[in-house]
C-alpha atoms as a PDB file:
ATOM      1  CA  MET A   1      32.776 -12.231  -2.210  1.00  0.00           C
ATOM      2  CA  ARG A   2      32.860  -8.584  -1.175  1.00  0.00           C
ATOM      3  CA  LEU A   3      31.447  -9.461   2.255  1.00  0.00           C
ATOM      4  CA  ARG A   4      34.182 -12.041   2.807  1.00  0.00           C
ATOM      5  CA  ILE A   5      36.842  -9.454   2.061  1.00  0.00           C
ATOM      6  CA  LEU A   6      35.133  -7.028   4.419  1.00  0.00           C
ATOM      7  CA  ALA A   7      34.842  -9.703   7.117  1.00  0.00           C
ATOM      8  CA  GLY A   8      38.565 -10.335   6.763  1.00  0.00           C
ATOM      9  CA  ALA A   9      39.228  -6.607   7.138  1.00  0.00           C
ATOM     10  CA  VAL A  10      37.126  -6.505  10.300  1.00  0.00           C
ATOM     11  CA  ALA A  11      39.000  -9.479  11.719  1.00  0.00           C
ATOM     12  CA  ALA A  12      42.331  -7.843  10.856  1.00  0.00           C
ATOM     13  CA  ALA A  13      41.244  -4.569  12.476  1.00  0.00           C
ATOM     14  CA  ALA A  14      40.159  -6.423  15.592  1.00  0.00           C
ATOM     15  CA  THR A  15      43.571  -8.081  15.733  1.00  0.00           C
ATOM     16  CA  LEU A  16      45.177  -4.649  15.473  1.00  0.00           C
ATOM     17  CA  VAL A  17      43.314  -3.707  18.625  1.00  0.00           C
ATOM     18  CA  LEU A  18      45.293  -6.385  20.443  1.00  0.00           C
ATOM     19  CA  THR A  19      48.624  -5.376  19.037  1.00  0.00           C
ATOM     20  CA  SER A  20      47.973  -1.791  20.028  1.00  0.00           C
ATOM     21  CA  CYS A  21      47.416  -3.086  23.545  1.00  0.00           C
ATOM     22  CA  ALA A  22      50.971  -4.279  24.122  1.00  0.00           C
ATOM     23  CA  ALA A  23      51.684  -2.075  27.129  1.00  0.00           C
ATOM     24  CA  GLY A  24      49.749   0.083  29.546  1.00  0.00           C
ATOM     25  CA  TYR A  25      47.768  -2.586  31.373  1.00  0.00           C
ATOM     26  CA  ASP A  26      48.193  -5.833  33.290  1.00  0.00           C
ATOM     27  CA  GLU A  27      48.143  -9.381  31.875  1.00  0.00           C
ATOM     28  CA  THR A  28      44.686 -10.237  33.246  1.00  0.00           C
ATOM     29  CA  THR A  29      43.127  -7.217  31.550  1.00  0.00           C
ATOM     30  CA  LYS A  30      45.076  -7.947  28.386  1.00  0.00           C
ATOM     31  CA  ASP A  31      43.789 -11.554  28.320  1.00  0.00           C
ATOM     32  CA  GLY A  32      40.192 -10.447  28.928  1.00  0.00           C
ATOM     33  CA  LEU A  33      40.344  -7.937  26.096  1.00  0.00           C
ATOM     34  CA  ARG A  34      42.048 -10.486  23.858  1.00  0.00           C
ATOM     35  CA  GLN A  35      39.116 -12.870  24.344  1.00  0.00           C
ATOM     36  CA  GLN A  36      36.722 -10.099  23.337  1.00  0.00           C
ATOM     37  CA  VAL A  37      38.803  -9.312  20.241  1.00  0.00           C
ATOM     38  CA  VAL A  38      38.767 -12.979  19.252  1.00  0.00           C
ATOM     39  CA  ALA A  39      34.969 -13.060  19.660  1.00  0.00           C
ATOM     40  CA  VAL A  40      34.607  -9.968  17.446  1.00  0.00           C
ATOM     41  CA  ALA A  41      36.939 -11.431  14.810  1.00  0.00           C
ATOM     42  CA  GLN A  42      35.195 -14.826  14.759  1.00  0.00           C
ATOM     43  CA  ALA A  43      31.713 -13.327  14.528  1.00  0.00           C
ATOM     44  CA  SER A  44      32.719 -10.955  11.741  1.00  0.00           C
ATOM     45  CA  ALA A  45      34.537 -13.702   9.823  1.00  0.00           C
ATOM     46  CA  ALA A  46      31.334 -15.760  10.001  1.00  0.00           C
ATOM     47  CA  GLY A  47      29.276 -12.797   8.765  1.00  0.00           C
ATOM     48  CA  ASP A  48      27.483 -12.594  12.115  1.00  0.00           C
ATOM     49  CA  TRP A  49      27.416  -8.813  12.251  1.00  0.00           C
ATOM     50  CA  THR A  50      25.020  -8.665  15.189  1.00  0.00           C
ATOM     51  CA  GLY A  51      27.272 -11.001  17.164  1.00  0.00           C
ATOM     52  CA  ALA A  52      30.325  -8.955  16.204  1.00  0.00           C
ATOM     53  CA  LEU A  53      28.677  -5.751  17.410  1.00  0.00           C
ATOM     54  CA  SER A  54      27.578  -7.436  20.648  1.00  0.00           C
ATOM     55  CA  SER A  55      31.133  -8.661  21.258  1.00  0.00           C
ATOM     56  CA  LEU A  56      32.480  -5.204  20.476  1.00  0.00           C
ATOM     57  CA  ASP A  57      30.018  -3.662  22.944  1.00  0.00           C
ATOM     58  CA  ALA A  58      31.055  -6.180  25.602  1.00  0.00           C
ATOM     59  CA  MET A  59      34.680  -5.330  24.901  1.00  0.00           C
ATOM     60  CA  ALA A  60      33.965  -1.601  25.274  1.00  0.00           C
ATOM     61  CA  GLU A  61      32.284  -2.280  28.606  1.00  0.00           C
ATOM     62  CA  ARG A  62      35.215  -4.419  29.773  1.00  0.00           C
ATOM     63  CA  LEU A  63      37.648  -1.708  28.688  1.00  0.00           C
ATOM     64  CA  SER A  64      35.697   0.999  30.545  1.00  0.00           C
ATOM     65  CA  ASP A  65      35.600  -1.129  33.682  1.00  0.00           C
ATOM     66  CA  ALA A  66      39.369  -1.726  33.416  1.00  0.00           C
ATOM     67  CA  ARG A  67      40.026   1.997  33.071  1.00  0.00           C
ATOM     68  CA  ALA A  68      37.768   2.803  36.046  1.00  0.00           C
ATOM     69  CA  ALA A  69      39.662   0.212  38.123  1.00  0.00           C
ATOM     70  CA  GLY A  70      43.006   1.704  37.086  1.00  0.00           C
ATOM     71  CA  GLU A  71      43.967  -1.446  35.152  1.00  0.00           C
ATOM     72  CA  VAL A  72      44.405   0.439  31.847  1.00  0.00           C
ATOM     73  CA  SER A  73      46.285   3.686  31.361  1.00  0.00           C
ATOM     74  CA  GLU A  74      44.416   6.627  29.815  1.00  0.00           C
ATOM     75  CA  GLU A  75      46.700   6.562  26.769  1.00  0.00           C
ATOM     76  CA  ARG A  76      46.139   2.824  26.206  1.00  0.00           C
ATOM     77  CA  PHE A  77      42.384   3.257  26.750  1.00  0.00           C
ATOM     78  CA  ASP A  78      42.237   5.968  24.061  1.00  0.00           C
ATOM     79  CA  SER A  79      44.243   3.959  21.526  1.00  0.00           C
ATOM     80  CA  ILE A  80      42.149   0.808  22.063  1.00  0.00           C
ATOM     81  CA  LEU A  81      38.931   2.827  21.870  1.00  0.00           C
ATOM     82  CA  LEU A  82      40.057   4.399  18.582  1.00  0.00           C
ATOM     83  CA  ALA A  83      40.882   0.958  17.121  1.00  0.00           C
ATOM     84  CA  MET A  84      37.497  -0.356  18.286  1.00  0.00           C
ATOM     85  CA  GLU A  85      35.746   2.542  16.563  1.00  0.00           C
ATOM     86  CA  LEU A  86      37.474   1.629  13.294  1.00  0.00           C
ATOM     87  CA  VAL A  87      36.297  -1.957  13.711  1.00  0.00           C
ATOM     88  CA  ARG A  88      32.752  -0.721  14.409  1.00  0.00           C
ATOM     89  CA  GLN A  89      32.832   1.361  11.210  1.00  0.00           C
ATOM     90  CA  ASP A  90      33.961  -1.693   9.245  1.00  0.00           C
ATOM     91  CA  ILE A  91      31.126  -3.734  10.739  1.00  0.00           C
ATOM     92  CA  ASP A  92      28.602  -0.997   9.923  1.00  0.00           C
ATOM     93  CA  THR A  93      29.916  -0.958   6.348  1.00  0.00           C
ATOM     94  CA  ALA A  94      29.557  -4.747   6.161  1.00  0.00           C
ATOM     95  CA  ILE A  95      25.982  -4.558   7.474  1.00  0.00           C
ATOM     96  CA  ALA A  96      25.104  -1.928   4.868  1.00  0.00           C
ATOM     97  CA  ALA A  97      26.736  -4.016   2.114  1.00  0.00           C
ATOM     98  CA  ALA A  98      24.796  -7.113   3.216  1.00  0.00           C
ATOM     99  CA  ALA A  99      21.536  -5.129   3.241  1.00  0.00           C
ATOM    100  CA  ASP A 100      22.282  -3.776  -0.251  1.00  0.00           C
ATOM    101  CA  ALA A 101      23.070  -7.266  -1.532  1.00  0.00           C
ATOM    102  CA  ALA A 102      19.852  -8.630  -0.034  1.00  0.00           C
ATOM    103  CA  GLU A 103      17.806  -5.821  -1.594  1.00  0.00           C
ATOM    104  CA  ARG A 104      19.473  -6.361  -4.976  1.00  0.00           C
ATOM    105  CA  GLN A 105      18.662 -10.073  -4.760  1.00  0.00           C
ATOM    106  CA  ARG A 106      15.048  -9.331  -3.790  1.00  0.00           C
ATOM    107  CA  LEU A 107      14.683  -6.991  -6.784  1.00  0.00           C
ATOM    108  CA  MET A 108      16.232  -9.549  -9.140  1.00  0.00           C
ATOM    109  CA  ASP A 109      13.864 -12.244  -7.832  1.00  0.00           C
ATOM    110  CA  GLU A 110      10.886  -9.905  -8.280  1.00  0.00           C
ATOM    111  CA  GLN A 111      12.026  -9.019 -11.795  1.00  0.00           C
ATOM    112  CA  ALA A 112      12.337 -12.712 -12.680  1.00  0.00           C
ATOM    113  CA  ARG A 113       8.863 -13.402 -11.266  1.00  0.00           C
ATOM    114  CA  LEU A 114       7.353 -10.546 -13.280  1.00  0.00           C
ATOM    115  CA  GLN A 115       9.153 -11.634 -16.450  1.00  0.00           C
ATOM    116  CA  GLU A 116       7.801 -15.148 -15.995  1.00  0.00           C
ATOM    117  CA  GLN A 117       4.304 -13.739 -15.544  1.00  0.00           C
ATOM    118  CA  ILE A 118       4.669 -11.609 -18.710  1.00  0.00           C
ATOM    119  CA  THR A 119       5.874 -14.638 -20.668  1.00  0.00           C
ATOM    120  CA  ARG A 120       2.939 -16.692 -19.415  1.00  0.00           C
ATOM    121  CA  LEU A 121       0.450 -13.955 -20.352  1.00  0.00           C
ATOM    122  CA  GLU A 122       1.989 -13.544 -23.796  1.00  0.00           C
ATOM    123  CA  GLY A 123       1.712 -17.287 -24.293  1.00  0.00           C
ATOM    124  CA  GLN A 124      -1.975 -17.162 -23.371  1.00  0.00           C
ATOM    125  CA  GLN A 125      -2.520 -14.263 -25.758  1.00  0.00           C
ATOM    126  CA  ASN A 126      -1.010 -16.255 -28.626  1.00  0.00           C
ATOM    127  CA  GLN A 127      -3.206 -19.282 -27.879  1.00  0.00           C
ATOM    128  CA  PRO A 128      -6.744 -19.431 -29.302  1.00  0.00           C
ATOM    129  CA  ASN A 129      -9.170 -18.482 -26.549  1.00  0.00           C
ATOM    130  CA  GLU A 130     -11.864 -20.973 -27.523  1.00  0.00           C
ATOM    131  CA  GLN A 131     -12.262 -24.525 -26.371  1.00  0.00           C
ATOM    132  CA  PRO A 132     -13.700 -27.231 -28.661  1.00  0.00           C
ATOM    133  CA  GLY A 133     -17.508 -27.016 -28.697  1.00  0.00           C
ATOM    134  CA  GLU A 134     -17.574 -23.439 -27.377  1.00  0.00           C
ATOM    135  CA  LYS A 135     -19.376 -20.691 -29.263  1.00  0.00           C
ATOM    136  CA  LYS A 136     -17.355 -17.939 -30.842  1.00  0.00           C
ATOM    137  CA  GLU A 137     -18.470 -14.375 -30.395  1.00  0.00           C
ATOM    138  CA  GLY A 138     -20.958 -13.539 -33.129  1.00  0.00           C
ATOM    139  CA  ASP A 139     -22.107 -17.168 -33.517  1.00  0.00           C
ATOM    140  CA  LYS A 140     -25.802 -17.771 -33.091  1.00  0.00           C
ATOM    141  CA  GLY A 141     -25.117 -21.227 -31.847  1.00  0.00           C
ATOM    142  CA  GLY A 142     -23.772 -24.473 -33.036  1.00  0.00           C
ATOM    143  CA  GLU A 143     -26.602 -26.871 -32.396  1.00  0.00           C
ATOM    144  CA  GLY A 144     -29.373 -26.149 -34.902  1.00  0.00           C
ATOM    145  CA  ASP A 145     -29.251 -26.574 -38.657  1.00  0.00           C
ATOM    146  CA  ASN A 146     -29.947 -22.912 -39.234  1.00  0.00           C
ATOM    147  CA  GLY A 147     -27.378 -21.708 -36.711  1.00  0.00           C
ATOM    148  CA  GLU A 148     -30.103 -21.551 -34.090  1.00  0.00           C
ATOM    149  CA  ASP A 149     -29.434 -22.314 -30.472  1.00  0.00           C
ATOM    150  CA  GLY A 150     -31.389 -25.568 -30.431  1.00  0.00           C
ATOM    151  CA  LYS A 151     -34.540 -23.919 -29.154  1.00  0.00           C
ATOM    152  CA  GLY A 152     -35.742 -22.923 -32.591  1.00  0.00           C
ATOM    153  CA  GLU A 153     -38.037 -25.926 -32.949  1.00  0.00           C
ATOM    154  CA  GLU A 154     -39.765 -25.127 -29.673  1.00  0.00           C
ATOM    155  CA  ARG A 155     -40.293 -21.527 -30.723  1.00  0.00           C
ATOM    156  CA  LYS A 156     -41.512 -22.542 -34.137  1.00  0.00           C
ATOM    157  CA  GLY A 157     -44.080 -24.878 -32.619  1.00  0.00           C
ATOM    158  CA  ALA A 158     -45.178 -22.244 -30.141  1.00  0.00           C
ATOM    159  CA  ASP A 159     -45.532 -19.672 -32.910  1.00  0.00           C
ATOM    160  CA  GLU A 160     -47.612 -22.077 -35.017  1.00  0.00           C
ATOM    161  CA  GLY A 161     -49.834 -22.748 -32.046  1.00  0.00           C
ATOM    162  CA  LYS A 162     -50.463 -19.061 -31.561  1.00  0.00           C
ATOM    163  CA  GLY A 163     -51.259 -18.626 -35.214  1.00  0.00           C
ATOM    164  CA  ALA A 164     -53.753 -21.446 -35.098  1.00  0.00           C
ATOM    165  CA  GLU A 165     -55.475 -19.936 -32.085  1.00  0.00           C
ATOM    166  CA  GLN A 166     -55.605 -16.554 -33.765  1.00  0.00           C
ATOM    167  CA  GLY A 167     -57.091 -18.148 -36.865  1.00  0.00           C
ATOM    168  CA  LYS A 168     -59.965 -19.663 -34.840  1.00  0.00           C
ATOM    169  CA  GLY A 169     -60.984 -16.341 -33.509  1.00  0.00           C
ATOM    170  CA  LYS A 170     -61.760 -14.942 -36.982  1.00  0.00           C
END
Protein backbone atom coordinates (compact mmCIF):
# COMPACT_ATOMS: atom_id res chain seq x y z
CA MET A 1 0.00 0.00 0.00
CA ARG A 2 2.75 2.41 1.00
CA LEU A 3 4.64 1.69 -2.23
CA ARG A 4 1.55 2.50 -4.30
CA ILE A 5 1.22 5.86 -2.59
CA LEU A 6 4.91 6.51 -3.17
CA ALA A 7 4.62 5.46 -6.82
CA GLY A 8 1.75 7.92 -7.20
CA ALA A 9 3.89 10.65 -5.66
CA VAL A 10 6.71 9.89 -8.09
CA ALA A 11 4.30 10.02 -11.02
CA ALA A 12 2.89 13.33 -9.76
CA ALA A 13 6.40 14.77 -9.33
CA ALA A 14 7.31 13.67 -12.84
CA THR A 15 4.21 15.42 -14.14
CA LEU A 16 5.29 18.56 -12.30
CA VAL A 17 8.49 18.46 -14.31
CA LEU A 18 6.39 18.95 -17.44
CA THR A 19 4.33 21.76 -16.04
CA SER A 20 7.48 23.55 -14.96
CA CYS A 21 8.61 23.29 -18.57
CA ALA A 22 5.92 25.53 -20.02
CA ALA A 23 8.26 28.12 -21.50
CA GLY A 24 11.94 28.46 -22.26
CA TYR A 25 12.30 25.87 -25.00
CA ASP A 26 10.84 24.85 -28.35
CA GLU A 27 7.96 22.42 -28.98
CA THR A 28 10.18 19.59 -30.26
CA THR A 29 12.29 19.66 -27.10
CA LYS A 30 9.17 19.94 -24.98
CA ASP A 31 7.63 16.87 -26.66
CA GLY A 32 10.84 14.85 -26.26
CA LEU A 33 11.05 15.66 -22.57
CA ARG A 34 7.34 14.97 -22.15
CA GLN A 35 7.85 11.44 -23.52
CA GLN A 36 10.64 10.89 -21.00
CA VAL A 37 8.44 12.17 -18.16
CA VAL A 38 5.66 9.80 -19.21
CA ALA A 39 8.15 6.89 -19.23
CA VAL A 40 9.33 7.80 -15.72
CA ALA A 41 5.75 8.10 -14.46
CA GLN A 42 4.63 4.79 -16.00
CA ALA A 43 7.63 2.87 -14.70
CA SER A 44 7.25 4.29 -11.20
CA ALA A 45 3.49 3.65 -11.16
CA ALA A 46 4.24 0.02 -12.07
CA GLY A 47 6.83 -0.22 -9.29
CA ASP A 48 9.61 -0.64 -11.86
CA TRP A 49 12.13 1.50 -10.01
CA THR A 50 15.05 0.47 -12.20
CA GLY A 51 13.07 1.41 -15.31
CA ALA A 52 12.05 4.71 -13.72
CA LEU A 53 15.67 5.56 -12.93
CA SER A 54 16.76 4.58 -16.45
CA SER A 55 14.06 6.81 -17.95
CA LEU A 56 15.08 9.63 -15.62
CA ASP A 57 18.71 9.23 -16.69
CA ALA A 58 17.68 9.29 -20.35
CA MET A 59 15.67 12.42 -19.66
CA ALA A 60 18.66 14.08 -17.98
CA GLU A 61 20.79 13.24 -21.00
CA ARG A 62 18.15 14.62 -23.38
CA LEU A 63 17.88 17.78 -21.29
CA SER A 64 21.67 18.28 -21.28
CA ASP A 65 21.81 17.80 -25.04
CA ALA A 66 18.98 20.33 -25.48
CA ARG A 67 20.79 22.87 -23.33
CA ALA A 68 24.06 22.34 -25.22
CA ALA A 69 22.19 22.88 -28.51
CA GLY A 70 20.60 26.07 -27.18
CA GLU A 71 17.11 24.53 -27.26
CA VAL A 72 16.53 25.09 -23.52
CA SER A 73 17.22 28.28 -21.60
CA GLU A 74 19.54 28.10 -18.59
CA GLU A 75 16.69 29.05 -16.25
CA ARG A 76 14.39 26.34 -17.65
CA PHE A 77 17.24 23.80 -17.53
CA ASP A 78 17.83 24.53 -13.83
CA SER A 79 14.14 24.30 -12.90
CA ILE A 80 13.67 21.01 -14.79
CA LEU A 81 16.86 19.60 -13.27
CA LEU A 82 15.66 20.52 -9.77
CA ALA A 83 12.28 18.83 -10.39
CA MET A 84 14.07 15.74 -11.73
CA GLU A 85 16.21 15.58 -8.60
CA LEU A 86 13.06 15.56 -6.46
CA VAL A 87 11.69 12.71 -8.56
CA ARG A 88 14.99 10.83 -8.17
CA GLN A 89 14.80 11.25 -4.38
CA ASP A 90 11.25 9.88 -4.40
CA ILE A 91 12.39 6.90 -6.45
CA ASP A 92 15.32 6.27 -4.10
CA THR A 93 12.89 6.40 -1.17
CA ALA A 94 10.61 3.91 -2.93
CA ILE A 95 13.54 1.57 -3.61
CA ALA A 96 14.57 1.71 0.05
CA ALA A 97 10.96 1.08 1.16
CA ALA A 98 10.69 -1.91 -1.20
CA ALA A 99 13.98 -3.32 0.12
CA ASP A 100 12.78 -2.87 3.72
CA ALA A 101 9.48 -4.57 2.93
CA ALA A 102 11.28 -7.47 1.26
CA GLU A 103 13.62 -7.87 4.23
CA ARG A 104 10.70 -7.75 6.67
CA GLN A 105 8.93 -10.44 4.64
CA ARG A 106 12.08 -12.59 4.55
CA LEU A 107 12.43 -12.32 8.34
CA MET A 108 8.75 -13.18 8.87
CA ASP A 109 9.10 -16.22 6.59
CA GLU A 110 12.22 -17.33 8.47
CA GLN A 111 10.47 -16.84 11.81
CA ALA A 112 7.52 -18.93 10.62
CA ARG A 113 9.87 -21.67 9.39
CA LEU A 114 11.70 -21.74 12.73
CA GLN A 115 8.44 -21.78 14.69
CA GLU A 116 7.24 -24.71 12.61
CA GLN A 117 10.51 -26.52 13.29
CA ILE A 118 10.19 -25.84 17.05
CA THR A 119 6.62 -27.14 17.03
CA ARG A 120 7.69 -30.27 15.19
CA LEU A 121 10.55 -30.90 17.64
CA GLU A 122 8.28 -30.35 20.63
CA GLY A 123 5.83 -32.83 19.14
CA GLN A 124 8.61 -35.40 18.78
CA GLN A 125 9.71 -34.79 22.36
CA ASN A 126 6.19 -35.48 23.62
CA GLN A 127 5.95 -38.73 21.63
CA PRO A 128 7.39 -41.94 23.11
CA ASN A 129 10.76 -42.58 21.49
CA GLU A 130 10.38 -46.36 21.29
CA GLN A 131 8.89 -48.39 18.51
CA PRO A 132 7.00 -51.65 19.19
CA GLY A 133 9.47 -54.50 19.70
CA GLU A 134 12.40 -52.18 20.44
CA LYS A 135 14.41 -52.51 23.64
CA LYS A 136 14.19 -49.77 26.21
CA GLU A 137 17.36 -48.50 27.78
CA GLY A 138 18.18 -50.67 30.78
CA ASP A 139 16.39 -53.73 29.34
CA LYS A 140 18.49 -56.85 29.02
CA GLY A 141 16.43 -57.96 26.11
CA GLY A 142 12.98 -59.07 25.31
CA GLU A 143 13.49 -62.48 23.80
CA GLY A 144 14.51 -64.87 26.57
CA ASP A 145 12.44 -65.99 29.53
CA ASN A 146 14.95 -64.60 31.98
CA GLY A 147 15.28 -61.26 30.21
CA GLU A 148 18.27 -62.62 28.33
CA ASP A 149 19.03 -61.59 24.79
CA GLY A 150 18.18 -64.96 23.26
CA LYS A 151 21.76 -66.15 23.33
CA GLY A 152 21.57 -67.41 26.88
CA GLU A 153 20.90 -71.00 25.85
CA GLU A 154 23.98 -71.05 23.65
CA ARG A 155 26.13 -69.68 26.45
CA LYS A 156 24.67 -72.10 28.95
CA GLY A 157 25.46 -75.04 26.70
CA ALA A 158 28.95 -73.76 26.06
CA ASP A 159 29.54 -73.28 29.78
CA GLU A 160 28.33 -76.82 30.52
CA GLY A 161 30.63 -78.17 27.86
CA LYS A 162 33.60 -76.43 29.42
CA GLY A 163 32.69 -77.75 32.83
CA ALA A 164 32.49 -81.27 31.51
CA GLU A 165 35.90 -80.98 29.90
CA GLN A 166 37.37 -79.59 33.09
CA GLY A 167 35.84 -82.46 35.04
CA LYS A 168 37.58 -85.04 32.81
CA GLY A 169 40.94 -83.60 33.50
CA LYS A 170 40.72 -84.31 37.25
